[in-house]
N, C-alpha and C. Protein backbone atom coordinates (compact mmCIF):
# COMPACT_ATOMS: atom_id res chain seq x y z
N MET A 1 10.70 -52.22 -38.65
CA MET A 1 11.81 -51.39 -38.28
C MET A 1 11.38 -49.94 -38.10
N LYS A 2 10.53 -49.48 -39.04
CA LYS A 2 10.06 -48.10 -38.98
C LYS A 2 9.23 -47.87 -37.72
N SER A 3 8.38 -48.83 -37.34
CA SER A 3 7.55 -48.67 -36.15
C SER A 3 8.41 -48.67 -34.88
N LYS A 4 9.51 -49.40 -34.91
CA LYS A 4 10.41 -49.42 -33.75
C LYS A 4 11.06 -48.05 -33.56
N ILE A 5 11.44 -47.41 -34.65
CA ILE A 5 12.04 -46.07 -34.59
C ILE A 5 10.99 -45.07 -34.11
N THR A 6 9.75 -45.21 -34.57
CA THR A 6 8.68 -44.31 -34.15
C THR A 6 8.43 -44.44 -32.65
N VAL A 7 8.39 -45.65 -32.15
CA VAL A 7 8.17 -45.88 -30.72
C VAL A 7 9.32 -45.30 -29.91
N VAL A 8 10.53 -45.52 -30.33
CA VAL A 8 11.70 -45.00 -29.61
C VAL A 8 11.68 -43.47 -29.65
N SER A 9 11.33 -42.87 -30.80
CA SER A 9 11.32 -41.42 -30.88
C SER A 9 10.22 -40.83 -29.99
N HIS A 10 9.08 -41.52 -29.86
CA HIS A 10 8.03 -41.05 -28.95
C HIS A 10 8.52 -41.07 -27.50
N PHE A 11 9.26 -42.11 -27.14
CA PHE A 11 9.77 -42.19 -25.77
C PHE A 11 10.82 -41.11 -25.50
N CYS A 12 11.52 -40.67 -26.53
CA CYS A 12 12.51 -39.60 -26.36
C CYS A 12 11.83 -38.23 -26.33
N VAL A 13 10.82 -38.05 -27.17
CA VAL A 13 10.13 -36.77 -27.26
C VAL A 13 9.31 -36.50 -26.00
N LEU A 14 8.67 -37.52 -25.49
CA LEU A 14 7.82 -37.34 -24.31
C LEU A 14 8.58 -36.78 -23.11
N PRO A 15 9.73 -37.35 -22.74
CA PRO A 15 10.46 -36.76 -21.61
C PRO A 15 10.94 -35.33 -21.89
N LEU A 16 11.31 -35.06 -23.14
CA LEU A 16 11.73 -33.70 -23.50
C LEU A 16 10.58 -32.71 -23.34
N MET A 17 9.39 -33.11 -23.73
CA MET A 17 8.22 -32.24 -23.59
C MET A 17 7.90 -32.00 -22.11
N VAL A 18 7.95 -33.05 -21.31
CA VAL A 18 7.69 -32.92 -19.88
C VAL A 18 8.72 -31.97 -19.26
N ALA A 19 9.98 -32.13 -19.61
CA ALA A 19 11.03 -31.26 -19.07
C ALA A 19 10.80 -29.81 -19.49
N ALA A 20 10.44 -29.59 -20.75
CA ALA A 20 10.19 -28.24 -21.25
C ALA A 20 9.01 -27.60 -20.51
N LEU A 21 7.95 -28.35 -20.32
CA LEU A 21 6.79 -27.82 -19.62
C LEU A 21 7.11 -27.53 -18.15
N THR A 22 7.93 -28.37 -17.55
CA THR A 22 8.33 -28.15 -16.16
C THR A 22 9.13 -26.86 -16.04
N ILE A 23 10.08 -26.68 -16.94
CA ILE A 23 10.90 -25.46 -16.92
C ILE A 23 10.02 -24.24 -17.16
N ALA A 24 9.10 -24.32 -18.10
CA ALA A 24 8.19 -23.20 -18.37
C ALA A 24 7.35 -22.88 -17.14
N GLY A 25 6.90 -23.91 -16.44
CA GLY A 25 6.11 -23.69 -15.23
C GLY A 25 6.91 -22.99 -14.14
N VAL A 26 8.16 -23.34 -14.01
CA VAL A 26 9.02 -22.70 -13.02
C VAL A 26 9.23 -21.23 -13.37
N VAL A 27 9.45 -20.93 -14.65
CA VAL A 27 9.65 -19.55 -15.08
C VAL A 27 8.39 -18.73 -14.82
N VAL A 28 7.23 -19.26 -15.14
CA VAL A 28 5.97 -18.55 -14.90
C VAL A 28 5.76 -18.34 -13.41
N ALA A 29 6.06 -19.34 -12.60
CA ALA A 29 5.88 -19.22 -11.15
C ALA A 29 6.79 -18.15 -10.58
N GLN A 30 8.00 -18.00 -11.13
CA GLN A 30 8.91 -16.98 -10.63
C GLN A 30 8.41 -15.58 -10.95
N ASP A 31 7.65 -15.42 -12.04
CA ASP A 31 7.12 -14.11 -12.41
C ASP A 31 5.77 -13.81 -11.79
N SER A 32 5.20 -14.77 -11.08
CA SER A 32 3.86 -14.56 -10.52
C SER A 32 3.94 -13.67 -9.29
N PRO A 33 2.84 -12.94 -8.97
CA PRO A 33 2.83 -12.09 -7.79
C PRO A 33 3.13 -12.86 -6.50
N ALA A 34 2.68 -14.10 -6.43
CA ALA A 34 2.91 -14.88 -5.21
C ALA A 34 4.40 -15.09 -4.98
N ALA A 35 5.14 -15.33 -6.06
CA ALA A 35 6.57 -15.53 -5.92
C ALA A 35 7.26 -14.23 -5.52
N LYS A 36 6.79 -13.10 -6.03
CA LYS A 36 7.39 -11.82 -5.72
C LYS A 36 7.17 -11.43 -4.26
N SER A 37 6.09 -11.89 -3.66
CA SER A 37 5.81 -11.51 -2.28
C SER A 37 6.80 -12.13 -1.31
N SER A 38 7.51 -13.16 -1.76
CA SER A 38 8.43 -13.82 -0.86
C SER A 38 9.56 -12.90 -0.42
N SER A 39 9.81 -11.82 -1.16
CA SER A 39 10.87 -10.90 -0.79
C SER A 39 10.46 -9.99 0.37
N LEU A 40 9.18 -9.94 0.67
CA LEU A 40 8.69 -9.08 1.74
C LEU A 40 8.68 -9.81 3.07
N SER A 41 9.13 -9.11 4.08
CA SER A 41 9.07 -9.69 5.42
C SER A 41 7.65 -9.58 5.96
N VAL A 42 7.38 -10.28 7.02
CA VAL A 42 6.08 -10.20 7.68
C VAL A 42 5.85 -8.77 8.15
N LYS A 43 6.91 -8.13 8.63
CA LYS A 43 6.83 -6.75 9.10
C LYS A 43 6.44 -5.80 7.96
N ASP A 44 7.06 -6.00 6.78
CA ASP A 44 6.74 -5.16 5.62
C ASP A 44 5.28 -5.33 5.22
N LYS A 45 4.81 -6.57 5.19
CA LYS A 45 3.42 -6.82 4.82
C LYS A 45 2.46 -6.18 5.82
N ALA A 46 2.78 -6.30 7.10
CA ALA A 46 1.93 -5.70 8.13
C ALA A 46 1.91 -4.18 7.99
N PHE A 47 3.07 -3.60 7.70
CA PHE A 47 3.15 -2.14 7.48
C PHE A 47 2.25 -1.74 6.31
N MET A 48 2.33 -2.48 5.22
CA MET A 48 1.53 -2.15 4.03
C MET A 48 0.03 -2.18 4.35
N LYS A 49 -0.39 -3.20 5.07
CA LYS A 49 -1.82 -3.33 5.40
C LYS A 49 -2.26 -2.22 6.34
N LYS A 50 -1.43 -1.90 7.31
CA LYS A 50 -1.77 -0.84 8.25
C LYS A 50 -1.80 0.52 7.53
N ALA A 51 -0.84 0.74 6.65
CA ALA A 51 -0.79 2.00 5.90
C ALA A 51 -2.02 2.12 4.98
N ALA A 52 -2.44 1.02 4.39
CA ALA A 52 -3.62 1.05 3.52
C ALA A 52 -4.87 1.41 4.32
N LYS A 53 -5.04 0.79 5.48
CA LYS A 53 -6.20 1.10 6.33
C LYS A 53 -6.17 2.56 6.77
N GLY A 54 -4.99 3.01 7.20
CA GLY A 54 -4.86 4.40 7.64
C GLY A 54 -5.13 5.38 6.52
N GLY A 55 -4.64 5.07 5.33
CA GLY A 55 -4.87 5.95 4.18
C GLY A 55 -6.35 6.05 3.83
N MET A 56 -7.04 4.93 3.89
CA MET A 56 -8.49 4.96 3.60
C MET A 56 -9.24 5.75 4.67
N MET A 57 -8.80 5.63 5.93
CA MET A 57 -9.43 6.39 7.00
C MET A 57 -9.20 7.89 6.79
N GLU A 58 -8.00 8.27 6.38
CA GLU A 58 -7.69 9.68 6.13
C GLU A 58 -8.58 10.25 5.03
N VAL A 59 -8.80 9.47 3.99
CA VAL A 59 -9.67 9.91 2.89
C VAL A 59 -11.10 10.10 3.40
N ALA A 60 -11.59 9.12 4.17
CA ALA A 60 -12.95 9.22 4.70
C ALA A 60 -13.10 10.42 5.62
N MET A 61 -12.12 10.62 6.51
CA MET A 61 -12.18 11.76 7.42
C MET A 61 -12.03 13.08 6.67
N GLY A 62 -11.18 13.09 5.66
CA GLY A 62 -11.01 14.30 4.84
C GLY A 62 -12.31 14.68 4.15
N ASN A 63 -13.03 13.67 3.65
CA ASN A 63 -14.33 13.93 3.02
C ASN A 63 -15.30 14.54 4.03
N LEU A 64 -15.31 13.99 5.24
CA LEU A 64 -16.18 14.54 6.29
C LEU A 64 -15.81 15.98 6.61
N ALA A 65 -14.52 16.26 6.70
CA ALA A 65 -14.06 17.62 7.00
C ALA A 65 -14.47 18.58 5.90
N GLU A 66 -14.30 18.12 4.67
CA GLU A 66 -14.65 18.97 3.53
C GLU A 66 -16.14 19.29 3.50
N GLN A 67 -16.95 18.33 3.87
CA GLN A 67 -18.41 18.51 3.84
C GLN A 67 -18.94 19.22 5.08
N ASN A 68 -18.35 18.93 6.25
CA ASN A 68 -18.95 19.39 7.51
C ASN A 68 -18.13 20.42 8.28
N GLY A 69 -16.91 20.70 7.83
CA GLY A 69 -16.09 21.64 8.55
C GLY A 69 -16.74 23.01 8.63
N GLN A 70 -16.51 23.68 9.74
CA GLN A 70 -17.08 25.01 9.92
C GLN A 70 -16.21 26.08 9.28
N SER A 71 -14.89 25.91 9.38
CA SER A 71 -13.99 26.93 8.82
C SER A 71 -13.52 26.50 7.43
N ASP A 72 -13.23 27.49 6.62
CA ASP A 72 -12.71 27.22 5.28
C ASP A 72 -11.34 26.53 5.34
N ASP A 73 -10.56 26.88 6.38
CA ASP A 73 -9.24 26.24 6.53
C ASP A 73 -9.37 24.74 6.78
N VAL A 74 -10.31 24.36 7.60
CA VAL A 74 -10.53 22.93 7.89
C VAL A 74 -11.05 22.22 6.64
N LYS A 75 -11.95 22.87 5.92
CA LYS A 75 -12.45 22.28 4.67
C LYS A 75 -11.32 22.10 3.66
N SER A 76 -10.45 23.11 3.56
CA SER A 76 -9.32 23.02 2.63
C SER A 76 -8.36 21.90 3.05
N PHE A 77 -8.11 21.81 4.34
CA PHE A 77 -7.24 20.75 4.84
C PHE A 77 -7.85 19.38 4.54
N GLY A 78 -9.15 19.23 4.78
CA GLY A 78 -9.82 17.97 4.48
C GLY A 78 -9.70 17.60 3.02
N LYS A 79 -9.89 18.58 2.15
CA LYS A 79 -9.77 18.34 0.71
C LYS A 79 -8.35 17.89 0.36
N ARG A 80 -7.37 18.53 0.97
CA ARG A 80 -5.98 18.16 0.72
C ARG A 80 -5.69 16.74 1.20
N MET A 81 -6.29 16.35 2.32
CA MET A 81 -6.10 14.99 2.83
C MET A 81 -6.67 13.98 1.84
N VAL A 82 -7.82 14.28 1.27
CA VAL A 82 -8.42 13.38 0.29
C VAL A 82 -7.50 13.23 -0.92
N THR A 83 -7.04 14.34 -1.44
CA THR A 83 -6.18 14.32 -2.64
C THR A 83 -4.87 13.59 -2.37
N ASP A 84 -4.17 14.00 -1.32
CA ASP A 84 -2.84 13.44 -1.06
C ASP A 84 -2.90 11.98 -0.64
N HIS A 85 -3.85 11.64 0.22
CA HIS A 85 -3.94 10.24 0.67
C HIS A 85 -4.47 9.33 -0.43
N SER A 86 -5.31 9.83 -1.30
CA SER A 86 -5.75 9.02 -2.44
C SER A 86 -4.56 8.68 -3.33
N LYS A 87 -3.70 9.67 -3.57
CA LYS A 87 -2.50 9.44 -4.38
C LYS A 87 -1.58 8.42 -3.70
N ALA A 88 -1.35 8.59 -2.41
CA ALA A 88 -0.49 7.65 -1.68
C ALA A 88 -1.10 6.25 -1.67
N ASN A 89 -2.43 6.18 -1.50
CA ASN A 89 -3.11 4.88 -1.51
C ASN A 89 -2.91 4.18 -2.84
N ASP A 90 -3.01 4.94 -3.94
CA ASP A 90 -2.83 4.35 -5.27
C ASP A 90 -1.39 3.85 -5.45
N GLU A 91 -0.43 4.61 -4.96
CA GLU A 91 0.97 4.19 -5.06
C GLU A 91 1.21 2.92 -4.25
N LEU A 92 0.63 2.86 -3.05
CA LEU A 92 0.78 1.66 -2.21
C LEU A 92 0.11 0.45 -2.87
N LYS A 93 -1.05 0.66 -3.47
CA LYS A 93 -1.73 -0.44 -4.18
C LYS A 93 -0.85 -0.97 -5.31
N SER A 94 -0.20 -0.07 -6.03
CA SER A 94 0.67 -0.48 -7.13
C SER A 94 1.83 -1.34 -6.62
N ILE A 95 2.44 -0.91 -5.53
CA ILE A 95 3.54 -1.70 -4.94
C ILE A 95 3.01 -3.06 -4.48
N ALA A 96 1.85 -3.06 -3.84
CA ALA A 96 1.27 -4.31 -3.34
C ALA A 96 1.00 -5.29 -4.49
N GLU A 97 0.48 -4.78 -5.59
CA GLU A 97 0.22 -5.65 -6.74
C GLU A 97 1.51 -6.27 -7.27
N LYS A 98 2.56 -5.46 -7.36
CA LYS A 98 3.85 -5.97 -7.84
C LYS A 98 4.42 -7.02 -6.91
N LYS A 99 4.16 -6.87 -5.62
CA LYS A 99 4.74 -7.77 -4.62
C LYS A 99 3.80 -8.93 -4.26
N GLY A 100 2.61 -8.92 -4.82
CA GLY A 100 1.67 -10.00 -4.54
C GLY A 100 1.02 -9.93 -3.17
N VAL A 101 0.87 -8.71 -2.64
CA VAL A 101 0.26 -8.53 -1.33
C VAL A 101 -1.16 -8.04 -1.51
N LYS A 102 -2.07 -8.69 -0.84
CA LYS A 102 -3.48 -8.28 -0.92
C LYS A 102 -3.74 -7.29 0.21
N LEU A 103 -4.12 -6.08 -0.17
CA LEU A 103 -4.41 -5.04 0.80
C LEU A 103 -5.90 -4.99 1.08
N PRO A 104 -6.27 -4.48 2.24
CA PRO A 104 -7.70 -4.28 2.50
C PRO A 104 -8.25 -3.29 1.46
N THR A 105 -9.46 -3.52 1.03
CA THR A 105 -10.03 -2.66 -0.01
C THR A 105 -11.04 -1.68 0.53
N LYS A 106 -11.42 -1.85 1.77
CA LYS A 106 -12.42 -0.96 2.33
C LYS A 106 -12.15 -0.78 3.81
N GLU A 107 -12.13 0.47 4.23
CA GLU A 107 -11.95 0.77 5.65
C GLU A 107 -13.22 0.36 6.37
N LYS A 108 -13.03 -0.22 7.53
CA LYS A 108 -14.21 -0.52 8.35
C LYS A 108 -14.99 0.76 8.54
N GLU A 109 -16.26 0.63 8.61
CA GLU A 109 -17.10 1.82 8.72
C GLU A 109 -16.60 2.74 9.81
N HIS A 110 -16.29 3.93 9.41
CA HIS A 110 -15.90 4.96 10.36
C HIS A 110 -17.18 5.52 10.94
N SER A 111 -17.11 6.13 12.07
CA SER A 111 -18.32 6.62 12.72
C SER A 111 -19.16 7.47 11.78
N GLY A 112 -18.50 8.17 10.86
CA GLY A 112 -19.25 8.98 9.90
C GLY A 112 -19.91 10.19 10.53
N LYS A 113 -19.64 10.43 11.79
CA LYS A 113 -20.24 11.56 12.48
C LYS A 113 -19.21 12.65 12.63
N TRP A 114 -19.62 13.84 12.37
CA TRP A 114 -18.73 14.98 12.52
C TRP A 114 -18.91 15.54 13.91
N SER A 115 -17.82 15.68 14.60
CA SER A 115 -17.87 16.21 15.96
C SER A 115 -17.63 17.72 15.93
N SER A 116 -16.43 18.10 15.51
CA SER A 116 -16.09 19.53 15.44
C SER A 116 -14.79 19.70 14.66
N ASP A 117 -14.55 20.92 14.23
CA ASP A 117 -13.29 21.23 13.58
C ASP A 117 -12.13 20.91 14.51
N LYS A 118 -12.25 21.29 15.76
CA LYS A 118 -11.18 21.08 16.74
C LYS A 118 -10.89 19.59 16.91
N ALA A 119 -11.92 18.78 17.04
CA ALA A 119 -11.72 17.34 17.22
C ALA A 119 -11.03 16.73 16.00
N TYR A 120 -11.42 17.18 14.81
CA TYR A 120 -10.80 16.67 13.58
C TYR A 120 -9.32 17.06 13.53
N ILE A 121 -9.03 18.32 13.77
CA ILE A 121 -7.65 18.79 13.70
C ILE A 121 -6.79 18.12 14.77
N ASP A 122 -7.31 17.98 15.98
CA ASP A 122 -6.57 17.28 17.03
C ASP A 122 -6.26 15.84 16.61
N ALA A 123 -7.25 15.18 16.02
CA ALA A 123 -7.07 13.80 15.56
C ALA A 123 -6.03 13.73 14.44
N MET A 124 -6.04 14.72 13.55
CA MET A 124 -5.09 14.72 12.43
C MET A 124 -3.65 14.94 12.92
N VAL A 125 -3.48 15.82 13.90
CA VAL A 125 -2.13 16.02 14.46
C VAL A 125 -1.65 14.72 15.09
N LYS A 126 -2.46 14.14 15.93
CA LYS A 126 -2.08 12.90 16.63
C LYS A 126 -1.80 11.78 15.62
N ASP A 127 -2.69 11.62 14.64
CA ASP A 127 -2.54 10.54 13.66
C ASP A 127 -1.30 10.74 12.79
N HIS A 128 -1.07 11.96 12.33
CA HIS A 128 0.08 12.20 11.47
C HIS A 128 1.40 12.09 12.23
N GLU A 129 1.41 12.42 13.50
CA GLU A 129 2.63 12.22 14.30
C GLU A 129 2.93 10.73 14.44
N LYS A 130 1.89 9.93 14.69
CA LYS A 130 2.05 8.47 14.79
C LYS A 130 2.48 7.89 13.44
N ASP A 131 1.81 8.32 12.38
CA ASP A 131 2.15 7.84 11.04
C ASP A 131 3.58 8.18 10.66
N LEU A 132 3.99 9.40 10.98
CA LEU A 132 5.35 9.84 10.66
C LEU A 132 6.37 8.88 11.29
N ALA A 133 6.18 8.55 12.55
CA ALA A 133 7.10 7.64 13.23
C ALA A 133 7.10 6.26 12.57
N GLU A 134 5.93 5.76 12.22
CA GLU A 134 5.84 4.43 11.59
C GLU A 134 6.47 4.41 10.20
N PHE A 135 6.24 5.47 9.43
CA PHE A 135 6.81 5.53 8.08
C PHE A 135 8.33 5.71 8.14
N GLN A 136 8.82 6.50 9.09
CA GLN A 136 10.26 6.65 9.25
C GLN A 136 10.90 5.32 9.64
N GLU A 137 10.25 4.57 10.51
CA GLU A 137 10.77 3.27 10.93
C GLU A 137 10.83 2.31 9.74
N GLU A 138 9.79 2.27 8.92
CA GLU A 138 9.79 1.40 7.74
C GLU A 138 10.86 1.83 6.75
N ALA A 139 11.02 3.14 6.56
CA ALA A 139 12.04 3.64 5.65
C ALA A 139 13.44 3.24 6.12
N LYS A 140 13.62 3.20 7.42
CA LYS A 140 14.92 2.88 8.01
C LYS A 140 15.18 1.37 8.04
N SER A 141 14.18 0.59 8.42
CA SER A 141 14.45 -0.83 8.69
C SER A 141 13.65 -1.81 7.84
N GLY A 142 12.90 -1.33 6.86
CA GLY A 142 12.16 -2.24 5.99
C GLY A 142 13.11 -3.09 5.16
N SER A 143 12.61 -4.19 4.62
CA SER A 143 13.48 -5.09 3.85
C SER A 143 13.31 -4.94 2.34
N ASP A 144 12.28 -4.26 1.89
CA ASP A 144 12.03 -4.14 0.45
C ASP A 144 12.37 -2.72 -0.02
N PRO A 145 13.20 -2.57 -1.04
CA PRO A 145 13.61 -1.24 -1.50
C PRO A 145 12.45 -0.37 -2.00
N ASP A 146 11.50 -0.95 -2.71
CA ASP A 146 10.36 -0.18 -3.22
C ASP A 146 9.51 0.34 -2.06
N LEU A 147 9.28 -0.50 -1.10
CA LEU A 147 8.46 -0.11 0.06
C LEU A 147 9.20 0.90 0.93
N LYS A 148 10.50 0.73 1.06
CA LYS A 148 11.30 1.69 1.84
C LYS A 148 11.25 3.07 1.19
N LYS A 149 11.33 3.12 -0.13
CA LYS A 149 11.26 4.41 -0.84
C LYS A 149 9.90 5.05 -0.65
N PHE A 150 8.85 4.24 -0.78
CA PHE A 150 7.49 4.75 -0.55
C PHE A 150 7.37 5.31 0.87
N ALA A 151 7.87 4.59 1.84
CA ALA A 151 7.79 5.02 3.24
C ALA A 151 8.60 6.30 3.46
N GLU A 152 9.77 6.37 2.85
CA GLU A 152 10.61 7.56 3.00
C GLU A 152 9.93 8.79 2.38
N ASP A 153 9.41 8.64 1.17
CA ASP A 153 8.74 9.75 0.50
C ASP A 153 7.49 10.19 1.26
N THR A 154 6.74 9.23 1.75
CA THR A 154 5.52 9.55 2.49
C THR A 154 5.85 10.19 3.84
N ALA A 155 6.93 9.77 4.46
CA ALA A 155 7.35 10.39 5.73
C ALA A 155 7.72 11.85 5.51
N LYS A 156 8.42 12.13 4.41
CA LYS A 156 8.77 13.53 4.10
C LYS A 156 7.50 14.36 3.92
N TRP A 157 6.56 13.82 3.16
CA TRP A 157 5.29 14.53 2.95
C TRP A 157 4.58 14.75 4.28
N SER A 158 4.52 13.71 5.10
CA SER A 158 3.81 13.79 6.38
C SER A 158 4.46 14.83 7.30
N ARG A 159 5.78 14.86 7.31
CA ARG A 159 6.50 15.83 8.14
C ARG A 159 6.14 17.26 7.70
N ASN A 160 6.08 17.47 6.40
CA ASN A 160 5.76 18.80 5.87
C ASN A 160 4.30 19.17 6.11
N ILE A 161 3.39 18.25 5.89
CA ILE A 161 1.97 18.56 6.00
C ILE A 161 1.55 18.74 7.46
N LEU A 162 2.29 18.14 8.37
CA LEU A 162 1.96 18.20 9.80
C LEU A 162 1.94 19.63 10.33
N THR A 163 2.66 20.52 9.69
CA THR A 163 2.66 21.92 10.14
C THR A 163 1.29 22.56 9.97
N TRP A 164 0.53 22.11 8.97
CA TRP A 164 -0.77 22.72 8.68
C TRP A 164 -1.78 22.48 9.82
N PRO A 165 -2.03 21.22 10.20
CA PRO A 165 -3.01 21.06 11.31
C PRO A 165 -2.49 21.62 12.64
N LYS A 166 -1.16 21.60 12.82
CA LYS A 166 -0.63 22.21 14.05
C LYS A 166 -0.91 23.71 14.08
N ARG A 167 -0.76 24.34 12.92
CA ARG A 167 -1.04 25.77 12.82
C ARG A 167 -2.54 26.03 13.05
N LEU A 168 -3.39 25.19 12.48
CA LEU A 168 -4.83 25.34 12.66
C LEU A 168 -5.23 25.13 14.13
N ARG A 169 -4.58 24.20 14.76
CA ARG A 169 -4.89 23.90 16.17
C ARG A 169 -4.49 25.08 17.06
N ALA A 170 -3.43 25.75 16.69
CA ALA A 170 -2.96 26.89 17.50
C ALA A 170 -3.82 28.14 17.30
N SER A 171 -4.54 28.20 16.19
CA SER A 171 -5.32 29.43 15.93
C SER A 171 -6.70 29.39 16.54
């Protein structure tokens, strides 16, 4: 009689354990980065990857400007690009980790050649105008609130900083 009760209790305990493990697995899967990425649209993910590449390029170009610029203004601007874009890159990486998005970790080799202060400043005006439009679009029509806030804040910064290279280009 006792062995019959033991066998029956094992058959009852086993399904309960399987159910508990299944529920635990679902809870863990919902907290995983892969599950969190499902809230991002394809457009949001593409924006994040493009912004990451652009940010790394800005840092690389800023380093070149700081090292090779002829004028102190260009060197200062390059240094500011390194500082500000490094901060923005770190913020974007943090959002990507929370959302389960893998960002590029290294910009494709940039030419690494310094042409001139004028060429750098012209490129920065053109690039920041393009970036401003892209970040404003993401802030307006993105699907993720965290990414929209990042895009909005970065667009404000870009709009403000754009006056600097424009001023340098005019002088």
